[in-house]
Amino acid sequence: MSIRKGIIVILSIIFLTSCWFSPQNKTRYLVAFNPAPDIHLFDVNDCTIENITENMFTSQYSATLSDFSSDGHYVLFNVDTMCMGTYGLHWDPSNSLYCYDVQMRTIDRLTDTMYRKESARFSPDNEKIVFMCSSNIFIMNKDGSDYHDLCPTIQHEFWPSFSADGQYVYYVRLKNQEFNICRNTLDGFNEEVLSNDNFQNTSYCVNEDESMLYYDGTGIVGKNLNDGTLVQLTPVNVFGNYYGKPKLSPGDSLLAYRHNYNQGNHACIMNTDGSNKQEISEAYDFEFSLDGKYLFCQWFEGIARYDISTGILDTLYQDSINSIYMEVAIAR
């Protein structure tokens, strides 16, 4: 090989190596959060923030964050607007679901019917959306088509989510003055009550193989869905000391939860058997990254990222924000 060709090869290797390790090839984490009345999108890599609902309406409005698609392409949210009534301006009793395209920076309105729409969640393949509407659970395609009630009964259902395989919908049911967690097939004909322990169960998560349910009962409780075994994972809730909002990490190795005490909210993690409990940060909301490397925490003074392997907590964004909702995605 001539000296000239050798130099060209070396320079090519250096160039390709620099491209491989350049910032453009790092994992791009996106955090959506909800300082009223808008939805903001925070790019962790370059520390830029975009207000995606600013100037969306000419009248007064309030947007509420719901979900991030698993591929990081779309953000779901609902919007309340003011309207003129007999006695002047007031909040419209109905609202609409919207979808923001992160790449195209466009917003599509998905629903235009009456009643309130809230708590929308994408299916694992991002092709369907489940949401709460007038205290019932509805399903539709991601473009808003095929809009229908999951189980049209006189009972009330709240806070839906899809199973990991997309074959079931989980939700909280209110019946006979009791809140219980249920599972149903997508046709709505196979409702199964999963938490029937006479406690007000309102937040939950389910592992990927549908074998374990974690929920706030007498604290954080784990229930084996195969044999019905219950395990108390945190101390029992008492006045001024409350455990709730369980969330599983990808791979189901860790369980994050909120511990409320001394009039403050704190993000904590533990193993799914209840061992190795750790308090991470003051936080109202928190989410694992989809690669399982981080737990992102949001409180009223900013956004932080906890590195699960090193135990290091870094503040990513520090400002006074009146946001109580946060979603995390990896742009792909």
C-alpha atoms as a PDB file:
ATOM      1  CA  MET A   1       0.000   0.000   0.000  1.00  0.00           C
ATOM      2  CA  SER A   2       1.373   3.413  -0.969  1.00  0.00           C
ATOM      3  CA  ILE A   3       1.860   6.110   1.693  1.00  0.00           C
ATOM      4  CA  ARG A   4      -0.855   8.213   0.037  1.00  0.00           C
ATOM      5  CA  LYS A   5      -3.407   5.381   0.132  1.00  0.00           C
ATOM      6  CA  GLY A   6      -2.459   4.633   3.724  1.00  0.00           C
ATOM      7  CA  ILE A   7      -3.091   8.242   4.752  1.00  0.00           C
ATOM      8  CA  ILE A   8      -6.477   8.207   2.987  1.00  0.00           C
ATOM      9  CA  VAL A   9      -7.468   5.001   4.819  1.00  0.00           C
ATOM     10  CA  ILE A  10      -6.418   6.437   8.202  1.00  0.00           C
ATOM     11  CA  LEU A  11      -8.294   9.688   7.565  1.00  0.00           C
ATOM     12  CA  SER A  12     -11.386   7.722   6.521  1.00  0.00           C
ATOM     13  CA  ILE A  13     -11.274   5.678   9.712  1.00  0.00           C
ATOM     14  CA  ILE A  14     -10.909   8.844  11.818  1.00  0.00           C
ATOM     15  CA  PHE A  15     -13.854  10.461  10.017  1.00  0.00           C
ATOM     16  CA  LEU A  16     -16.128   7.422  10.382  1.00  0.00           C
ATOM     17  CA  THR A  17     -15.152   7.046  14.034  1.00  0.00           C
ATOM     18  CA  SER A  18     -15.905  10.710  14.746  1.00  0.00           C
ATOM     19  CA  CYS A  19     -19.314  10.323  13.066  1.00  0.00           C
ATOM     20  CA  TRP A  20     -20.064   7.201  15.094  1.00  0.00           C
ATOM     21  CA  PHE A  21     -19.336   8.919  18.377  1.00  0.00           C
ATOM     22  CA  SER A  22     -20.721  12.320  17.388  1.00  0.00           C
ATOM     23  CA  PRO A  23     -23.644  13.829  19.316  1.00  0.00           C
ATOM     24  CA  GLN A  24     -25.902  13.050  16.362  1.00  0.00           C
ATOM     25  CA  ASN A  25     -25.518   9.325  17.090  1.00  0.00           C
ATOM     26  CA  LYS A  26     -26.270   9.543  20.802  1.00  0.00           C
ATOM     27  CA  THR A  27     -29.626   8.415  22.098  1.00  0.00           C
ATOM     28  CA  ARG A  28     -31.994  11.373  21.843  1.00  0.00           C
ATOM     29  CA  TYR A  29     -34.216  11.629  24.906  1.00  0.00           C
ATOM     30  CA  LEU A  30     -37.346  13.763  24.702  1.00  0.00           C
ATOM     31  CA  VAL A  31     -39.349  14.936  27.713  1.00  0.00           C
ATOM     32  CA  ALA A  32     -42.855  16.358  27.336  1.00  0.00           C
ATOM     33  CA  PHE A  33     -44.149  18.314  30.311  1.00  0.00           C
ATOM     34  CA  ASN A  34     -47.173  20.424  31.023  1.00  0.00           C
ATOM     35  CA  PRO A  35     -46.717  23.927  32.492  1.00  0.00           C
ATOM     36  CA  ALA A  36     -50.237  25.373  32.294  1.00  0.00           C
ATOM     37  CA  PRO A  37     -51.717  26.210  29.901  1.00  0.00           C
ATOM     38  CA  ASP A  38     -49.279  24.670  27.389  1.00  0.00           C
ATOM     39  CA  ILE A  39     -47.356  21.517  26.448  1.00  0.00           C
ATOM     40  CA  HIS A  40     -43.579  21.862  26.267  1.00  0.00           C
ATOM     41  CA  LEU A  41     -41.142  19.503  24.567  1.00  0.00           C
ATOM     42  CA  PHE A  42     -37.633  19.329  26.042  1.00  0.00           C
ATOM     43  CA  ASP A  43     -34.765  17.833  24.005  1.00  0.00           C
ATOM     44  CA  VAL A  44     -32.334  16.513  26.613  1.00  0.00           C
ATOM     45  CA  ASN A  45     -29.400  16.286  24.181  1.00  0.00           C
ATOM     46  CA  ASP A  46     -29.283  19.921  23.117  1.00  0.00           C
ATOM     47  CA  CYS A  47     -31.278  21.367  26.054  1.00  0.00           C
ATOM     48  CA  THR A  48     -33.818  23.087  23.801  1.00  0.00           C
ATOM     49  CA  ILE A  49     -37.436  23.609  24.784  1.00  0.00           C
ATOM     50  CA  GLU A  50     -40.325  23.987  22.347  1.00  0.00           C
ATOM     51  CA  ASN A  51     -43.803  25.176  23.305  1.00  0.00           C
ATOM     52  CA  ILE A  52     -45.930  23.029  20.997  1.00  0.00           C
ATOM     53  CA  THR A  53     -49.320  24.574  21.841  1.00  0.00           C
ATOM     54  CA  GLU A  54     -48.351  28.243  21.953  1.00  0.00           C
ATOM     55  CA  ASN A  55     -50.664  30.374  19.797  1.00  0.00           C
ATOM     56  CA  MET A  56     -52.769  27.298  19.043  1.00  0.00           C
ATOM     57  CA  PHE A  57     -56.042  29.090  19.826  1.00  0.00           C
ATOM     58  CA  THR A  58     -57.225  32.667  19.691  1.00  0.00           C
ATOM     59  CA  SER A  59     -59.403  32.249  22.813  1.00  0.00           C
ATOM     60  CA  GLN A  60     -58.266  31.180  26.269  1.00  0.00           C
ATOM     61  CA  TYR A  61     -57.288  27.503  26.460  1.00  0.00           C
ATOM     62  CA  SER A  62     -55.695  24.913  28.705  1.00  0.00           C
ATOM     63  CA  ALA A  63     -53.854  21.864  27.330  1.00  0.00           C
ATOM     64  CA  THR A  64     -53.280  18.672  29.345  1.00  0.00           C
ATOM     65  CA  LEU A  65     -50.577  16.154  28.451  1.00  0.00           C
ATOM     66  CA  SER A  66     -51.587  12.479  28.024  1.00  0.00           C
ATOM     67  CA  ASP A  67     -48.964  10.297  26.329  1.00  0.00           C
ATOM     68  CA  PHE A  68     -45.891   9.971  24.124  1.00  0.00           C
ATOM     69  CA  SER A  69     -45.854   7.338  21.376  1.00  0.00           C
ATOM     70  CA  SER A  70     -43.225   4.650  21.974  1.00  0.00           C
ATOM     71  CA  ASP A  71     -41.280   5.720  18.866  1.00  0.00           C
ATOM     72  CA  GLY A  72     -41.124   9.334  20.027  1.00  0.00           C
ATOM     73  CA  HIS A  73     -43.002  10.597  16.960  1.00  0.00           C
ATOM     74  CA  TYR A  74     -46.277  11.766  18.513  1.00  0.00           C
ATOM     75  CA  VAL A  75     -47.567  13.525  21.626  1.00  0.00           C
ATOM     76  CA  LEU A  76     -51.183  13.114  22.737  1.00  0.00           C
ATOM     77  CA  PHE A  77     -52.980  15.825  24.695  1.00  0.00           C
ATOM     78  CA  ASN A  78     -56.445  17.257  25.244  1.00  0.00           C
ATOM     79  CA  VAL A  79     -57.421  20.925  25.132  1.00  0.00           C
ATOM     80  CA  ASP A  80     -60.108  22.822  27.031  1.00  0.00           C
ATOM     81  CA  THR A  81     -61.274  26.142  25.585  1.00  0.00           C
ATOM     82  CA  MET A  82     -63.446  29.037  26.667  1.00  0.00           C
ATOM     83  CA  CYS A  83     -66.805  29.636  25.017  1.00  0.00           C
ATOM     84  CA  MET A  84     -69.531  32.278  25.275  1.00  0.00           C
ATOM     85  CA  GLY A  85     -72.621  31.334  27.268  1.00  0.00           C
ATOM     86  CA  THR A  86     -75.686  33.046  28.686  1.00  0.00           C
ATOM     87  CA  TYR A  87     -73.694  34.582  31.529  1.00  0.00           C
ATOM     88  CA  GLY A  88     -70.510  35.294  29.604  1.00  0.00           C
ATOM     89  CA  LEU A  89     -67.330  33.312  28.986  1.00  0.00           C
ATOM     90  CA  HIS A  90     -66.950  29.916  30.629  1.00  0.00           C
ATOM     91  CA  TRP A  91     -65.016  26.700  30.092  1.00  0.00           C
ATOM     92  CA  ASP A  92     -66.614  24.523  27.433  1.00  0.00           C
ATOM     93  CA  PRO A  93     -67.872  21.288  29.094  1.00  0.00           C
ATOM     94  CA  SER A  94     -66.573  19.318  26.099  1.00  0.00           C
ATOM     95  CA  ASN A  95     -62.998  19.208  24.841  1.00  0.00           C
ATOM     96  CA  SER A  96     -60.955  17.520  22.125  1.00  0.00           C
ATOM     97  CA  LEU A  97     -57.966  15.213  21.781  1.00  0.00           C
ATOM     98  CA  TYR A  98     -55.037  16.367  19.682  1.00  0.00           C
ATOM     99  CA  CYS A  99     -51.898  14.710  18.353  1.00  0.00           C
ATOM    100  CA  TYR A 100     -48.614  16.558  17.777  1.00  0.00           C
ATOM    101  CA  ASP A 101     -46.210  15.230  15.139  1.00  0.00           C
ATOM    102  CA  VAL A 102     -42.720  15.774  16.582  1.00  0.00           C
ATOM    103  CA  GLN A 103     -40.949  15.506  13.225  1.00  0.00           C
ATOM    104  CA  MET A 104     -43.371  17.560  11.117  1.00  0.00           C
ATOM    105  CA  ARG A 105     -44.273  19.959  13.970  1.00  0.00           C
ATOM    106  CA  THR A 106     -47.946  19.775  13.067  1.00  0.00           C
ATOM    107  CA  ILE A 107     -51.044  19.257  15.228  1.00  0.00           C
ATOM    108  CA  ASP A 108     -54.063  17.159  14.230  1.00  0.00           C
ATOM    109  CA  ARG A 109     -57.409  17.226  15.989  1.00  0.00           C
ATOM    110  CA  LEU A 110     -58.555  13.644  16.599  1.00  0.00           C
ATOM    111  CA  THR A 111     -62.003  14.110  18.171  1.00  0.00           C
ATOM    112  CA  ASP A 112     -64.759  16.684  17.737  1.00  0.00           C
ATOM    113  CA  THR A 113     -67.645  15.100  19.656  1.00  0.00           C
ATOM    114  CA  MET A 114     -69.279  16.308  22.850  1.00  0.00           C
ATOM    115  CA  TYR A 115     -68.147  15.375  26.378  1.00  0.00           C
ATOM    116  CA  ARG A 116     -64.735  15.444  27.986  1.00  0.00           C
ATOM    117  CA  LYS A 117     -61.826  13.382  26.675  1.00  0.00           C
ATOM    118  CA  GLU A 118     -58.902  12.639  29.012  1.00  0.00           C
ATOM    119  CA  SER A 119     -56.112  10.205  29.880  1.00  0.00           C
ATOM    120  CA  ALA A 120     -55.428   9.048  26.313  1.00  0.00           C
ATOM    121  CA  ARG A 121     -52.804   6.313  25.819  1.00  0.00           C
ATOM    122  CA  PHE A 122     -51.232   4.782  22.721  1.00  0.00           C
ATOM    123  CA  SER A 123     -51.254   1.054  22.061  1.00  0.00           C
ATOM    124  CA  PRO A 124     -47.793  -0.613  22.016  1.00  0.00           C
ATOM    125  CA  ASP A 125     -47.690  -0.460  18.196  1.00  0.00           C
ATOM    126  CA  ASN A 126     -48.978   3.168  18.253  1.00  0.00           C
ATOM    127  CA  GLU A 127     -51.841   2.238  15.914  1.00  0.00           C
ATOM    128  CA  LYS A 128     -54.694   2.659  18.423  1.00  0.00           C
ATOM    129  CA  ILE A 129     -55.590   5.066  21.211  1.00  0.00           C
ATOM    130  CA  VAL A 130     -57.602   4.338  24.335  1.00  0.00           C
ATOM    131  CA  PHE A 131     -59.014   7.204  26.391  1.00  0.00           C
ATOM    132  CA  MET A 132     -61.561   8.243  28.965  1.00  0.00           C
ATOM    133  CA  CYS A 133     -64.672  10.057  27.759  1.00  0.00           C
ATOM    134  CA  SER A 134     -67.508  11.080  30.072  1.00  0.00           C
ATOM    135  CA  SER A 135     -66.481   8.425  32.619  1.00  0.00           C
ATOM    136  CA  ASN A 136     -66.335   5.642  30.032  1.00  0.00           C
ATOM    137  CA  ILE A 137     -63.482   4.037  28.093  1.00  0.00           C
ATOM    138  CA  PHE A 138     -63.300   4.533  24.318  1.00  0.00           C
ATOM    139  CA  ILE A 139     -60.956   3.147  21.653  1.00  0.00           C
ATOM    140  CA  MET A 140     -60.133   4.577  18.245  1.00  0.00           C
ATOM    141  CA  ASN A 141     -57.489   4.382  15.540  1.00  0.00           C
ATOM    142  CA  LYS A 142     -54.591   6.807  15.836  1.00  0.00           C
ATOM    143  CA  ASP A 143     -56.144   9.048  13.150  1.00  0.00           C
ATOM    144  CA  GLY A 144     -59.407   9.334  15.115  1.00  0.00           C
ATOM    145  CA  SER A 145     -61.407   6.846  13.035  1.00  0.00           C
ATOM    146  CA  ASP A 146     -63.464   3.889  14.351  1.00  0.00           C
ATOM    147  CA  TYR A 147     -64.325   5.753  17.555  1.00  0.00           C
ATOM    148  CA  HIS A 148     -66.333   3.455  19.875  1.00  0.00           C
ATOM    149  CA  ASP A 149     -67.159   2.718  23.514  1.00  0.00           C
ATOM    150  CA  LEU A 150     -65.235  -0.245  24.947  1.00  0.00           C
ATOM    151  CA  CYS A 151     -68.024  -1.452  27.256  1.00  0.00           C
ATOM    152  CA  PRO A 152     -71.194   0.695  27.048  1.00  0.00           C
ATOM    153  CA  THR A 153     -72.659   0.121  30.509  1.00  0.00           C
ATOM    154  CA  ILE A 154     -73.927   2.340  33.295  1.00  0.00           C
ATOM    155  CA  GLN A 155     -70.747   1.790  35.310  1.00  0.00           C
ATOM    156  CA  HIS A 156     -67.887   4.309  35.221  1.00  0.00           C
ATOM    157  CA  GLU A 157     -64.348   3.618  34.031  1.00  0.00           C
ATOM    158  CA  PHE A 158     -61.196   5.714  34.342  1.00  0.00           C
ATOM    159  CA  TRP A 159     -57.455   5.823  33.539  1.00  0.00           C
ATOM    160  CA  PRO A 160     -57.122   3.217  30.777  1.00  0.00           C
ATOM    161  CA  SER A 161     -53.956   1.656  29.372  1.00  0.00           C
ATOM    162  CA  PHE A 162     -53.084  -1.138  26.952  1.00  0.00           C
ATOM    163  CA  SER A 163     -51.413  -4.391  27.911  1.00  0.00           C
ATOM    164  CA  ALA A 164     -47.855  -4.914  26.673  1.00  0.00           C
ATOM    165  CA  ASP A 165     -49.096  -7.115  23.813  1.00  0.00           C
ATOM    166  CA  GLY A 166     -51.959  -4.746  22.926  1.00  0.00           C
ATOM    167  CA  GLN A 167     -54.604  -7.460  23.405  1.00  0.00           C
ATOM    168  CA  TYR A 168     -56.172  -6.072  26.579  1.00  0.00           C
ATOM    169  CA  VAL A 169     -57.186  -2.752  28.087  1.00  0.00           C
ATOM    170  CA  TYR A 170     -56.714  -2.118  31.797  1.00  0.00           C
ATOM    171  CA  TYR A 171     -58.734   0.531  33.625  1.00  0.00           C
ATOM    172  CA  VAL A 172     -60.132   1.565  36.988  1.00  0.00           C
ATOM    173  CA  ARG A 173     -63.843   0.837  37.429  1.00  0.00           C
ATOM    174  CA  LEU A 174     -66.189   2.608  39.822  1.00  0.00           C
ATOM    175  CA  LYS A 175     -69.093   0.395  40.812  1.00  0.00           C
ATOM    176  CA  ASN A 176     -71.105   0.217  44.038  1.00  0.00           C
ATOM    177  CA  GLN A 177     -68.976   3.058  45.402  1.00  0.00           C
ATOM    178  CA  GLU A 178     -65.775   1.012  45.033  1.00  0.00           C
ATOM    179  CA  PHE A 179     -62.791   1.632  42.749  1.00  0.00           C
ATOM    180  CA  ASN A 180     -61.267  -1.569  41.371  1.00  0.00           C
ATOM    181  CA  ILE A 181     -58.784  -2.344  38.601  1.00  0.00           C
ATOM    182  CA  CYS A 182     -60.168  -4.334  35.673  1.00  0.00           C
ATOM    183  CA  ARG A 183     -58.955  -5.964  32.479  1.00  0.00           C
ATOM    184  CA  ASN A 184     -60.975  -6.390  29.302  1.00  0.00           C
ATOM    185  CA  THR A 185     -60.460  -7.604  25.760  1.00  0.00           C
ATOM    186  CA  LEU A 186     -60.637  -5.029  22.961  1.00  0.00           C
ATOM    187  CA  ASP A 187     -64.188  -6.083  22.076  1.00  0.00           C
ATOM    188  CA  GLY A 188     -65.306  -5.158  25.611  1.00  0.00           C
ATOM    189  CA  PHE A 189     -66.984  -8.519  26.310  1.00  0.00           C
ATOM    190  CA  ASN A 190     -64.578 -10.054  28.808  1.00  0.00           C
ATOM    191  CA  GLU A 191     -64.270  -7.762  31.813  1.00  0.00           C
ATOM    192  CA  GLU A 192     -62.294  -9.235  34.703  1.00  0.00           C
ATOM    193  CA  VAL A 193     -61.988  -7.562  38.125  1.00  0.00           C
ATOM    194  CA  LEU A 194     -58.367  -7.834  39.277  1.00  0.00           C
ATOM    195  CA  SER A 195     -58.307  -5.918  42.572  1.00  0.00           C
ATOM    196  CA  ASN A 196     -61.286  -6.699  44.763  1.00  0.00           C
ATOM    197  CA  ASP A 197     -59.899  -5.899  48.208  1.00  0.00           C
ATOM    198  CA  ASN A 198     -62.334  -3.204  49.406  1.00  0.00           C
ATOM    199  CA  PHE A 199     -59.733  -0.427  49.013  1.00  0.00           C
ATOM    200  CA  GLN A 200     -59.906   2.553  46.681  1.00  0.00           C
ATOM    201  CA  ASN A 201     -57.485   1.400  43.964  1.00  0.00           C
ATOM    202  CA  THR A 202     -56.778   4.238  41.536  1.00  0.00           C
ATOM    203  CA  SER A 203     -53.224   3.826  40.157  1.00  0.00           C
ATOM    204  CA  TYR A 204     -51.637   0.658  38.782  1.00  0.00           C
ATOM    205  CA  CYS A 205     -49.166  -0.946  36.380  1.00  0.00           C
ATOM    206  CA  VAL A 206     -48.834  -4.456  34.933  1.00  0.00           C
ATOM    207  CA  ASN A 207     -45.688  -6.328  33.938  1.00  0.00           C
ATOM    208  CA  GLU A 208     -45.003  -7.386  30.368  1.00  0.00           C
ATOM    209  CA  ASP A 209     -46.157 -11.009  30.624  1.00  0.00           C
ATOM    210  CA  GLU A 210     -49.397 -10.000  32.413  1.00  0.00           C
ATOM    211  CA  SER A 211     -48.530 -12.076  35.479  1.00  0.00           C
ATOM    212  CA  MET A 212     -48.171  -9.298  38.084  1.00  0.00           C
ATOM    213  CA  LEU A 213     -50.352  -6.307  38.923  1.00  0.00           C
ATOM    214  CA  TYR A 214     -48.962  -3.493  41.087  1.00  0.00           C
ATOM    215  CA  TYR A 215     -51.382  -0.970  42.543  1.00  0.00           C
ATOM    216  CA  ASP A 216     -52.097   1.391  45.421  1.00  0.00           C
ATOM    217  CA  GLY A 217     -54.219  -0.463  47.935  1.00  0.00           C
ATOM    218  CA  THR A 218     -53.004  -0.439  51.509  1.00  0.00           C
ATOM    219  CA  GLY A 219     -49.815   1.144  50.132  1.00  0.00           C
ATOM    220  CA  ILE A 220     -48.116  -0.402  47.090  1.00  0.00           C
ATOM    221  CA  VAL A 221     -49.375  -3.972  46.679  1.00  0.00           C
ATOM    222  CA  GLY A 222     -48.242  -6.657  44.235  1.00  0.00           C
ATOM    223  CA  LYS A 223     -50.774  -9.248  43.093  1.00  0.00           C
ATOM    224  CA  ASN A 224     -49.868 -12.427  41.257  1.00  0.00           C
ATOM    225  CA  LEU A 225     -52.547 -12.683  38.559  1.00  0.00           C
ATOM    226  CA  ASN A 226     -51.964 -16.423  38.168  1.00  0.00           C
ATOM    227  CA  ASP A 227     -52.605 -17.546  41.746  1.00  0.00           C
ATOM    228  CA  GLY A 228     -54.027 -14.401  43.382  1.00  0.00           C
ATOM    229  CA  THR A 229     -51.204 -14.042  45.921  1.00  0.00           C
ATOM    230  CA  LEU A 230     -50.897 -10.552  47.442  1.00  0.00           C
ATOM    231  CA  VAL A 231     -47.626  -9.015  48.651  1.00  0.00           C
ATOM    232  CA  GLN A 232     -47.403  -5.762  50.641  1.00  0.00           C
ATOM    233  CA  LEU A 233     -44.426  -3.961  49.071  1.00  0.00           C
ATOM    234  CA  THR A 234     -44.415  -0.717  51.079  1.00  0.00           C
ATOM    235  CA  PRO A 235     -45.575   0.206  54.571  1.00  0.00           C
ATOM    236  CA  VAL A 236     -49.326   0.596  54.905  1.00  0.00           C
ATOM    237  CA  ASN A 237     -50.739   4.026  54.080  1.00  0.00           C
ATOM    238  CA  VAL A 238     -51.546   6.183  57.085  1.00  0.00           C
ATOM    239  CA  PHE A 239     -52.571   9.807  57.374  1.00  0.00           C
ATOM    240  CA  GLY A 240     -49.710  12.022  56.154  1.00  0.00           C
ATOM    241  CA  ASN A 241     -47.711   9.074  54.815  1.00  0.00           C
ATOM    242  CA  TYR A 242     -48.964   7.753  51.484  1.00  0.00           C
ATOM    243  CA  TYR A 243     -47.489   5.445  48.806  1.00  0.00           C
ATOM    244  CA  GLY A 244     -48.888   5.399  45.271  1.00  0.00           C
ATOM    245  CA  LYS A 245     -48.437   5.807  41.502  1.00  0.00           C
ATOM    246  CA  PRO A 246     -46.419   2.607  40.808  1.00  0.00           C
ATOM    247  CA  LYS A 247     -44.547   2.435  37.470  1.00  0.00           C
ATOM    248  CA  LEU A 248     -42.471  -0.475  36.151  1.00  0.00           C
ATOM    249  CA  SER A 249     -39.123  -0.124  34.427  1.00  0.00           C
ATOM    250  CA  PRO A 250     -38.601  -1.718  30.994  1.00  0.00           C
ATOM    251  CA  GLY A 251     -37.777  -5.358  31.663  1.00  0.00           C
ATOM    252  CA  ASP A 252     -39.812  -5.251  34.906  1.00  0.00           C
ATOM    253  CA  SER A 253     -36.785  -5.251  37.232  1.00  0.00           C
ATOM    254  CA  LEU A 254     -37.603  -2.050  39.145  1.00  0.00           C
ATOM    255  CA  LEU A 255     -40.721  -0.384  40.460  1.00  0.00           C
ATOM    256  CA  ALA A 256     -40.871   3.394  40.838  1.00  0.00           C
ATOM    257  CA  TYR A 257     -43.479   4.908  43.119  1.00  0.00           C
ATOM    258  CA  ARG A 258     -44.436   8.138  44.844  1.00  0.00           C
ATOM    259  CA  HIS A 259     -44.039   8.576  48.583  1.00  0.00           C
ATOM    260  CA  ASN A 260     -45.981  11.485  49.990  1.00  0.00           C
ATOM    261  CA  TYR A 261     -44.922  12.699  53.422  1.00  0.00           C
ATOM    262  CA  ASN A 262     -44.352  16.024  55.188  1.00  0.00           C
ATOM    263  CA  GLN A 263     -46.681  17.574  52.593  1.00  0.00           C
ATOM    264  CA  GLY A 264     -44.212  16.727  49.807  1.00  0.00           C
ATOM    265  CA  ASN A 265     -44.046  14.196  46.938  1.00  0.00           C
ATOM    266  CA  HIS A 266     -40.939  12.076  46.421  1.00  0.00           C
ATOM    267  CA  ALA A 267     -39.969   9.640  43.651  1.00  0.00           C
ATOM    268  CA  CYS A 268     -38.642   6.322  44.968  1.00  0.00           C
ATOM    269  CA  ILE A 269     -37.555   3.028  43.423  1.00  0.00           C
ATOM    270  CA  MET A 270     -37.368  -0.531  44.705  1.00  0.00           C
ATOM    271  CA  ASN A 271     -36.998  -4.049  43.381  1.00  0.00           C
ATOM    272  CA  THR A 272     -40.294  -5.631  42.396  1.00  0.00           C
ATOM    273  CA  ASP A 273     -40.167  -7.855  45.486  1.00  0.00           C
ATOM    274  CA  GLY A 274     -40.113  -4.736  47.692  1.00  0.00           C
ATOM    275  CA  SER A 275     -36.413  -4.875  48.567  1.00  0.00           C
ATOM    276  CA  ASN A 276     -33.745  -2.156  48.227  1.00  0.00           C
ATOM    277  CA  LYS A 277     -36.018   0.891  48.575  1.00  0.00           C
ATOM    278  CA  GLN A 278     -34.368   4.196  47.629  1.00  0.00           C
ATOM    279  CA  GLU A 279     -35.664   7.759  47.627  1.00  0.00           C
ATOM    280  CA  ILE A 280     -34.479   9.478  44.450  1.00  0.00           C
ATOM    281  CA  SER A 281     -35.785  13.020  44.309  1.00  0.00           C
ATOM    282  CA  GLU A 282     -38.587  15.317  45.204  1.00  0.00           C
ATOM    283  CA  ALA A 283     -41.039  14.717  42.356  1.00  0.00           C
ATOM    284  CA  TYR A 284     -44.659  14.954  41.429  1.00  0.00           C
ATOM    285  CA  ASP A 285     -44.318  12.823  38.308  1.00  0.00           C
ATOM    286  CA  PHE A 286     -41.603  10.454  37.079  1.00  0.00           C
ATOM    287  CA  GLU A 287     -41.000   8.148  34.110  1.00  0.00           C
ATOM    288  CA  PHE A 288     -38.451   5.506  33.150  1.00  0.00           C
ATOM    289  CA  SER A 289     -36.705   5.929  29.806  1.00  0.00           C
ATOM    290  CA  LEU A 290     -37.585   3.165  27.341  1.00  0.00           C
ATOM    291  CA  ASP A 291     -34.021   1.824  27.403  1.00  0.00           C
ATOM    292  CA  GLY A 292     -34.269   1.391  31.181  1.00  0.00           C
ATOM    293  CA  LYS A 293     -31.181   3.514  31.866  1.00  0.00           C
ATOM    294  CA  TYR A 294     -32.788   6.488  33.578  1.00  0.00           C
ATOM    295  CA  LEU A 295     -35.641   7.620  35.775  1.00  0.00           C
ATOM    296  CA  PHE A 296     -36.725  11.141  34.842  1.00  0.00           C
ATOM    297  CA  CYS A 297     -38.260  13.172  37.673  1.00  0.00           C
ATOM    298  CA  GLN A 298     -40.290  16.352  37.543  1.00  0.00           C
ATOM    299  CA  TRP A 299     -41.109  18.641  40.410  1.00  0.00           C
ATOM    300  CA  PHE A 300     -42.189  22.255  40.632  1.00  0.00           C
ATOM    301  CA  GLU A 301     -38.637  23.559  40.267  1.00  0.00           C
ATOM    302  CA  GLY A 302     -37.453  21.593  37.254  1.00  0.00           C
ATOM    303  CA  ILE A 303     -36.620  18.239  35.637  1.00  0.00           C
ATOM    304  CA  ALA A 304     -33.925  15.817  36.792  1.00  0.00           C
ATOM    305  CA  ARG A 305     -32.495  12.545  35.462  1.00  0.00           C
ATOM    306  CA  TYR A 306     -31.427   9.681  37.720  1.00  0.00           C
ATOM    307  CA  ASP A 307     -28.841   7.275  36.281  1.00  0.00           C
ATOM    308  CA  ILE A 308     -29.907   3.843  37.531  1.00  0.00           C
ATOM    309  CA  SER A 309     -26.479   2.220  37.040  1.00  0.00           C
ATOM    310  CA  THR A 310     -24.437   4.937  38.776  1.00  0.00           C
ATOM    311  CA  GLY A 311     -26.979   6.409  41.201  1.00  0.00           C
ATOM    312  CA  ILE A 312     -26.195   9.942  39.985  1.00  0.00           C
ATOM    313  CA  LEU A 313     -29.012  12.517  39.867  1.00  0.00           C
ATOM    314  CA  ASP A 314     -28.509  15.380  37.407  1.00  0.00           C
ATOM    315  CA  THR A 315     -30.703  18.461  37.099  1.00  0.00           C
ATOM    316  CA  LEU A 316     -31.476  18.908  33.394  1.00  0.00           C
ATOM    317  CA  TYR A 317     -33.792  21.884  33.523  1.00  0.00           C
ATOM    318  CA  GLN A 318     -34.234  24.242  36.442  1.00  0.00           C
ATOM    319  CA  ASP A 319     -37.059  26.733  36.497  1.00  0.00           C
ATOM    320  CA  SER A 320     -40.297  27.302  38.325  1.00  0.00           C
ATOM    321  CA  ILE A 321     -42.871  25.176  36.450  1.00  0.00           C
ATOM    322  CA  ASN A 322     -46.464  24.522  37.465  1.00  0.00           C
ATOM    323  CA  SER A 323     -46.491  21.143  35.709  1.00  0.00           C
ATOM    324  CA  ILE A 324     -47.791  17.912  37.198  1.00  0.00           C
ATOM    325  CA  TYR A 325     -47.609  15.702  34.079  1.00  0.00           C
ATOM    326  CA  MET A 326     -44.534  14.357  32.295  1.00  0.00           C
ATOM    327  CA  GLU A 327     -43.879  11.789  29.537  1.00  0.00           C
ATOM    328  CA  VAL A 328     -40.529  10.524  28.234  1.00  0.00           C
ATOM    329  CA  ALA A 329     -39.602   9.089  24.835  1.00  0.00           C
ATOM    330  CA  ILE A 330     -36.607   8.196  22.732  1.00  0.00           C
ATOM    331  CA  ALA A 331     -36.637   9.769  19.275  1.00  0.00           C
ATOM    332  CA  ARG A 332     -36.217   7.179  16.511  1.00  0.00           C
END
